Amino acid sequence: MPSSHTPVPAVDEEFTLGALADGALERAAGVLREHGLVQLGRLGGRDDVLEAAGRFMAEPWQHRDADPDGLTVVRDTGRHEGLAGFAGLGRGDLSLHTECAQLPRPPRLLLLACARTADSGGETLLVDGRAVLAELAGFHPTSLEALAAPRAAYFGGADGHFAPVLEHLPDGRWRLRLRQDSLARFSPDAEAHLPALRRAVEHNTTRTRLASGQGLVLDNHRVLHGRTAFVGARLLLRALGEPRAVLGLDSGFPAPWTAPRLAPAGDGVDIAT
């Protein structure tokens, strides 16, 4: 796995609120469309995070744990460790996942902003679903077929949702949905291919340590995120929402190949040779 100091791949520019206000939003939108994430810098506090969210999101999405303004304080509360569905509010490892995978349609955008770093640990983990798709299609096409089935997985509790892990959309693009805790269950066929999926996720995992004032905007339908265990008073602010039309985000993400390789769900499989 890459070291904890590996930079976020292929995304070098860090956007400030001032730059976004001065016309850089179009450039940031292009980075988001191409790579699935945008780096932010020089965020001064809660008001700055809300303003940054407003640059990218049409309106805030109210998470279960959010404050009235739509932001969630992600920290060790001292009372959520070990509870299913609350790993983010502890200090242990947080497995790579899609935010709100249990919903029929998870929010499209996720903003994470670091307000206070950990004393040690607390690296942010990221995986580009496009790279996972490429590895499975290239080396494990049978696994991709099983994981793309409409009922490959069930995410959540009693009010959860059946969904593919990798969903092939009618327009040929793809959408990734995953969680890896006790609230994720898989069909027998999909479960047989979880080792291939987990290897692809591990091979494409990047670690980065956000400094205070740094943030990320992620395409939650493409990029998985997680966290390593930490010591200290690490604190992040999180916003969720749907993208503003100006970002030009199409559904899902493009396949990493030029010709169709897998038919949309329900239409059978067609792996190119």
Protein backbone atom coordinates (compact mmCIF):
# COMPACT_ATOMS: atom_id res chain seq x y z
CA MET A 1 0.00 0.00 0.00
CA PRO A 2 1.29 3.53 -0.71
CA SER A 3 2.97 5.36 2.13
CA SER A 4 1.05 7.82 4.27
CA HIS A 5 2.81 10.66 2.48
CA THR A 6 1.74 9.65 -1.02
CA PRO A 7 -0.01 12.67 -2.61
CA VAL A 8 -3.47 12.39 -4.06
CA PRO A 9 -2.73 11.02 -7.54
CA ALA A 10 -2.93 13.24 -10.62
CA VAL A 11 -4.49 16.17 -8.76
CA ASP A 12 -1.85 18.79 -8.01
CA GLU A 13 -3.74 22.08 -7.82
CA GLU A 14 -5.17 23.24 -4.49
CA PHE A 15 -8.09 25.66 -4.81
CA THR A 16 -8.74 28.42 -2.27
CA LEU A 17 -12.03 30.20 -1.68
CA GLY A 18 -10.55 33.33 -3.20
CA ALA A 19 -9.58 31.51 -6.37
CA LEU A 20 -13.00 29.88 -6.66
CA ALA A 21 -14.66 33.28 -6.30
CA ASP A 22 -12.36 34.75 -8.96
CA GLY A 23 -13.32 32.33 -11.71
CA ALA A 24 -11.40 29.15 -10.90
CA LEU A 25 -14.59 27.15 -10.28
CA GLU A 26 -14.76 26.11 -13.93
CA ARG A 27 -11.22 24.74 -13.71
CA ALA A 28 -12.02 23.00 -10.42
CA ALA A 29 -15.11 21.47 -12.02
CA GLY A 30 -12.94 20.07 -14.80
CA VAL A 31 -10.61 18.48 -12.25
CA LEU A 32 -13.61 16.98 -10.44
CA ARG A 33 -15.03 15.54 -13.66
CA GLU A 34 -11.70 14.06 -14.71
CA HIS A 35 -10.32 12.76 -11.41
CA GLY A 36 -13.31 12.50 -9.09
CA LEU A 37 -11.89 14.88 -6.49
CA VAL A 38 -10.71 18.44 -5.92
CA GLN A 39 -8.24 19.65 -3.29
CA LEU A 40 -9.05 22.75 -1.23
CA GLY A 41 -6.72 24.93 0.82
CA ARG A 42 -6.65 27.81 3.30
CA LEU A 43 -10.04 27.08 4.81
CA GLY A 44 -10.27 29.22 7.92
CA GLY A 45 -13.12 27.61 9.83
CA ARG A 46 -16.76 26.59 9.73
CA ASP A 47 -17.92 29.60 7.69
CA ASP A 48 -15.27 28.92 5.06
CA VAL A 49 -16.29 25.27 4.84
CA LEU A 50 -19.93 26.26 4.36
CA GLU A 51 -18.93 28.73 1.66
CA ALA A 52 -16.80 26.11 -0.08
CA ALA A 53 -19.69 23.65 0.04
CA GLY A 54 -21.93 26.29 -1.51
CA ARG A 55 -19.51 26.72 -4.42
CA PHE A 56 -19.91 23.06 -5.35
CA MET A 57 -23.28 21.98 -3.95
CA ALA A 58 -26.75 23.17 -4.89
CA GLU A 59 -27.95 22.74 -1.31
CA PRO A 60 -26.68 20.99 1.80
CA TRP A 61 -27.83 17.43 2.41
CA GLN A 62 -28.87 16.77 5.99
CA HIS A 63 -27.03 13.73 7.35
CA ARG A 64 -28.23 11.91 10.48
CA ASP A 65 -25.28 13.30 12.46
CA ALA A 66 -25.23 16.81 10.95
CA ASP A 67 -25.74 20.08 12.78
CA PRO A 68 -28.57 22.41 11.66
CA ASP A 69 -26.29 24.15 9.13
CA GLY A 70 -25.67 20.82 7.36
CA LEU A 71 -22.09 20.29 8.55
CA THR A 72 -21.14 17.17 10.50
CA VAL A 73 -18.34 17.35 13.05
CA VAL A 74 -16.32 14.16 12.51
CA ARG A 75 -14.36 13.40 15.67
CA ASP A 76 -13.99 10.79 18.37
CA THR A 77 -17.06 11.35 20.54
CA GLY A 78 -15.96 8.81 23.13
CA ARG A 79 -19.28 6.97 22.92
CA HIS A 80 -19.59 5.58 19.37
CA GLU A 81 -16.57 3.27 19.16
CA GLY A 82 -17.63 -0.21 18.03
CA LEU A 83 -21.21 0.73 17.09
CA ALA A 84 -22.30 -0.42 13.63
CA GLY A 85 -22.67 2.54 11.30
CA PHE A 86 -20.85 4.96 13.63
CA ALA A 87 -17.18 4.10 12.99
CA GLY A 88 -16.50 7.61 11.72
CA LEU A 89 -17.25 9.00 15.18
CA GLY A 90 -14.62 6.84 16.87
CA ARG A 91 -10.83 6.77 16.61
CA GLY A 92 -10.32 3.37 15.02
CA ASP A 93 -9.83 2.43 11.38
CA LEU A 94 -12.68 3.47 9.09
CA SER A 95 -12.89 1.10 6.13
CA LEU A 96 -13.13 2.49 2.62
CA HIS A 97 -16.74 3.18 1.73
CA THR A 98 -19.34 5.20 -0.13
CA GLU A 99 -21.03 7.74 2.13
CA CYS A 100 -24.66 6.72 2.82
CA ALA A 101 -24.39 3.57 0.69
CA GLN A 102 -27.60 2.30 2.28
CA LEU A 103 -29.76 4.95 0.59
CA PRO A 104 -31.47 4.43 -2.78
CA ARG A 105 -29.39 7.35 -4.08
CA PRO A 106 -26.40 8.39 -1.95
CA PRO A 107 -25.47 12.08 -2.07
CA ARG A 108 -23.25 12.84 -5.05
CA LEU A 109 -20.69 15.15 -3.43
CA LEU A 110 -18.78 14.91 -0.17
CA LEU A 111 -16.61 17.68 1.26
CA LEU A 112 -14.12 16.88 4.01
CA ALA A 113 -12.20 19.71 5.68
CA CYS A 114 -9.56 19.28 8.37
CA ALA A 115 -9.97 21.62 11.33
CA ARG A 116 -7.48 19.85 13.62
CA THR A 117 -4.97 17.12 12.87
CA ALA A 118 -4.34 14.00 14.94
CA ASP A 119 -1.22 13.61 17.06
CA SER A 120 -0.51 10.46 15.05
CA GLY A 121 -2.40 8.44 12.46
CA GLY A 122 -5.64 9.69 10.98
CA GLU A 123 -4.54 9.53 7.34
CA THR A 124 -7.34 9.89 4.81
CA LEU A 125 -7.71 6.88 2.50
CA LEU A 126 -8.94 7.32 -1.07
CA VAL A 127 -9.69 4.93 -3.91
CA ASP A 128 -10.73 5.90 -7.44
CA GLY A 129 -13.51 3.56 -8.52
CA ARG A 130 -12.43 3.96 -12.12
CA ALA A 131 -9.12 2.26 -11.29
CA VAL A 132 -10.94 -0.53 -9.45
CA LEU A 133 -13.20 -1.02 -12.46
CA ALA A 134 -10.20 -1.17 -14.79
CA GLU A 135 -8.46 -3.81 -12.67
CA LEU A 136 -11.54 -6.01 -12.39
CA ALA A 137 -12.39 -5.73 -16.08
CA GLY A 138 -8.82 -6.46 -17.10
CA PHE A 139 -7.99 -9.31 -14.73
CA HIS A 140 -11.24 -10.53 -13.15
CA PRO A 141 -14.11 -10.08 -15.64
CA THR A 142 -16.20 -12.79 -13.97
CA SER A 143 -15.89 -10.92 -10.68
CA LEU A 144 -17.01 -7.72 -12.36
CA GLU A 145 -20.06 -9.50 -13.76
CA ALA A 146 -21.03 -10.81 -10.32
CA LEU A 147 -20.48 -7.47 -8.58
CA ALA A 148 -22.49 -5.62 -11.25
CA ALA A 149 -25.62 -7.74 -10.69
CA PRO A 150 -28.65 -5.66 -9.57
CA ARG A 151 -28.87 -7.44 -6.18
CA ALA A 152 -25.17 -8.10 -5.64
CA ALA A 153 -25.23 -6.38 -2.25
CA TYR A 154 -27.54 -5.20 0.50
CA PHE A 155 -26.36 -2.12 2.36
CA GLY A 156 -27.86 -0.97 5.65
CA GLY A 157 -30.22 -2.32 8.29
CA ALA A 158 -33.97 -2.95 8.05
CA ASP A 159 -34.43 0.11 5.84
CA GLY A 160 -31.40 -0.61 3.64
CA HIS A 161 -31.10 -1.04 -0.09
CA PHE A 162 -30.17 -3.74 -2.63
CA ALA A 163 -27.69 -2.48 -5.22
CA PRO A 164 -24.76 -3.46 -7.44
CA VAL A 165 -21.29 -2.71 -6.15
CA LEU A 166 -20.34 -1.47 -9.62
CA GLU A 167 -23.43 -0.34 -11.49
CA HIS A 168 -23.36 -0.07 -15.28
CA LEU A 169 -25.64 2.81 -16.23
CA PRO A 170 -27.75 2.97 -19.40
CA ASP A 171 -25.48 5.64 -20.91
CA GLY A 172 -22.43 3.36 -20.56
CA ARG A 173 -21.01 5.11 -17.50
CA TRP A 174 -20.53 3.48 -14.10
CA ARG A 175 -21.37 4.11 -10.46
CA LEU A 176 -19.58 2.63 -7.42
CA ARG A 177 -21.26 1.83 -4.12
CA LEU A 178 -19.55 -0.01 -1.26
CA ARG A 179 -19.32 -0.40 2.46
CA GLN A 180 -17.29 -3.04 4.27
CA ASP A 181 -18.73 -3.23 7.77
CA SER A 182 -21.42 -5.37 9.41
CA LEU A 183 -24.12 -3.40 7.56
CA ALA A 184 -22.98 -4.79 4.20
CA ARG A 185 -24.16 -8.18 3.00
CA PHE A 186 -23.56 -9.78 -0.37
CA SER A 187 -25.28 -12.36 -2.54
CA PRO A 188 -23.58 -15.78 -2.58
CA ASP A 189 -22.35 -15.14 -6.12
CA ALA A 190 -20.94 -11.70 -5.28
CA GLU A 191 -19.43 -12.89 -2.01
CA ALA A 192 -17.32 -15.43 -3.88
CA HIS A 193 -15.68 -12.52 -5.71
CA LEU A 194 -15.06 -10.23 -2.73
CA PRO A 195 -11.37 -11.23 -2.52
CA ALA A 196 -10.80 -9.91 -6.06
CA LEU A 197 -12.67 -6.71 -5.21
CA ARG A 198 -10.72 -6.18 -2.01
CA ARG A 199 -7.41 -6.72 -3.78
CA ALA A 200 -8.38 -4.19 -6.45
CA VAL A 201 -9.36 -1.70 -3.75
CA GLU A 202 -6.11 -2.26 -1.85
CA HIS A 203 -3.95 -1.99 -4.98
CA ASN A 204 -5.48 1.41 -5.76
CA THR A 205 -5.60 2.91 -2.26
CA THR A 206 -3.87 6.23 -1.69
CA ARG A 207 -3.15 7.71 1.73
CA THR A 208 -2.89 11.42 2.36
CA ARG A 209 -2.61 13.45 5.55
CA LEU A 210 -4.76 16.57 5.46
CA ALA A 211 -3.27 19.54 7.27
CA SER A 212 -5.43 21.99 9.18
CA GLY A 213 -7.22 24.17 6.63
CA GLN A 214 -6.99 21.62 3.83
CA GLY A 215 -9.98 19.83 2.36
CA LEU A 216 -11.25 17.56 -0.38
CA VAL A 217 -14.38 17.54 -2.50
CA LEU A 218 -15.10 13.97 -3.61
CA ASP A 219 -17.45 12.44 -6.15
CA ASN A 220 -19.18 10.04 -3.77
CA HIS A 221 -20.42 7.91 -6.68
CA ARG A 222 -16.82 7.30 -7.81
CA VAL A 223 -14.30 7.74 -4.98
CA LEU A 224 -14.25 5.63 -1.82
CA HIS A 225 -12.95 7.25 1.34
CA GLY A 226 -11.80 5.98 4.72
CA ARG A 227 -9.39 6.70 7.55
CA THR A 228 -6.62 5.07 9.54
CA ALA A 229 -6.82 4.85 13.33
CA PHE A 230 -5.50 7.88 15.18
CA VAL A 231 -4.40 9.29 18.50
CA GLY A 232 -5.33 12.82 19.53
CA ALA A 233 -8.16 15.27 18.98
CA ARG A 234 -8.49 14.98 15.19
CA LEU A 235 -11.49 16.95 13.92
CA LEU A 236 -12.93 17.20 10.43
CA LEU A 237 -15.98 19.02 9.10
CA ARG A 238 -18.09 17.23 6.50
CA ALA A 239 -20.70 18.48 4.04
CA LEU A 240 -22.84 16.43 1.68
CA GLY A 241 -24.96 17.56 -1.25
CA GLU A 242 -25.91 17.40 -4.87
CA PRO A 243 -23.71 19.19 -7.43
CA ARG A 244 -24.53 22.58 -8.87
CA ALA A 245 -25.41 22.44 -12.56
CA VAL A 246 -22.40 24.63 -13.37
CA LEU A 247 -20.09 21.72 -12.50
CA GLY A 248 -21.33 19.75 -15.52
CA LEU A 249 -21.20 16.39 -13.73
CA ASP A 250 -22.81 13.60 -15.72
CA SER A 251 -24.12 10.57 -13.89
CA GLY A 252 -21.45 8.17 -12.63
CA PHE A 253 -18.00 8.10 -14.20
CA PRO A 254 -16.64 7.04 -17.60
CA ALA A 255 -15.33 3.55 -18.22
CA PRO A 256 -11.54 3.29 -18.49
CA TRP A 257 -11.82 1.89 -22.01
CA THR A 258 -13.04 3.30 -25.31
CA ALA A 259 -15.42 0.53 -26.43
CA PRO A 260 -18.31 -1.05 -24.48
CA ARG A 261 -17.20 -4.05 -22.46
CA LEU A 262 -20.10 -4.87 -20.16
CA ALA A 263 -23.77 -4.46 -21.01
CA PRO A 264 -25.98 -2.49 -18.59
CA ALA A 265 -27.52 -4.48 -15.73
CA GLY A 266 -30.07 -7.01 -16.94
CA ASP A 267 -28.74 -7.09 -20.51
CA GLY A 268 -26.11 -9.80 -20.05
CA VAL A 269 -22.36 -9.61 -20.22
CA ASP A 270 -20.15 -8.67 -23.12
CA ILE A 271 -16.48 -8.56 -22.22
CA ALA A 272 -14.40 -7.41 -25.16
CA THR A 273 -11.38 -9.42 -26.22
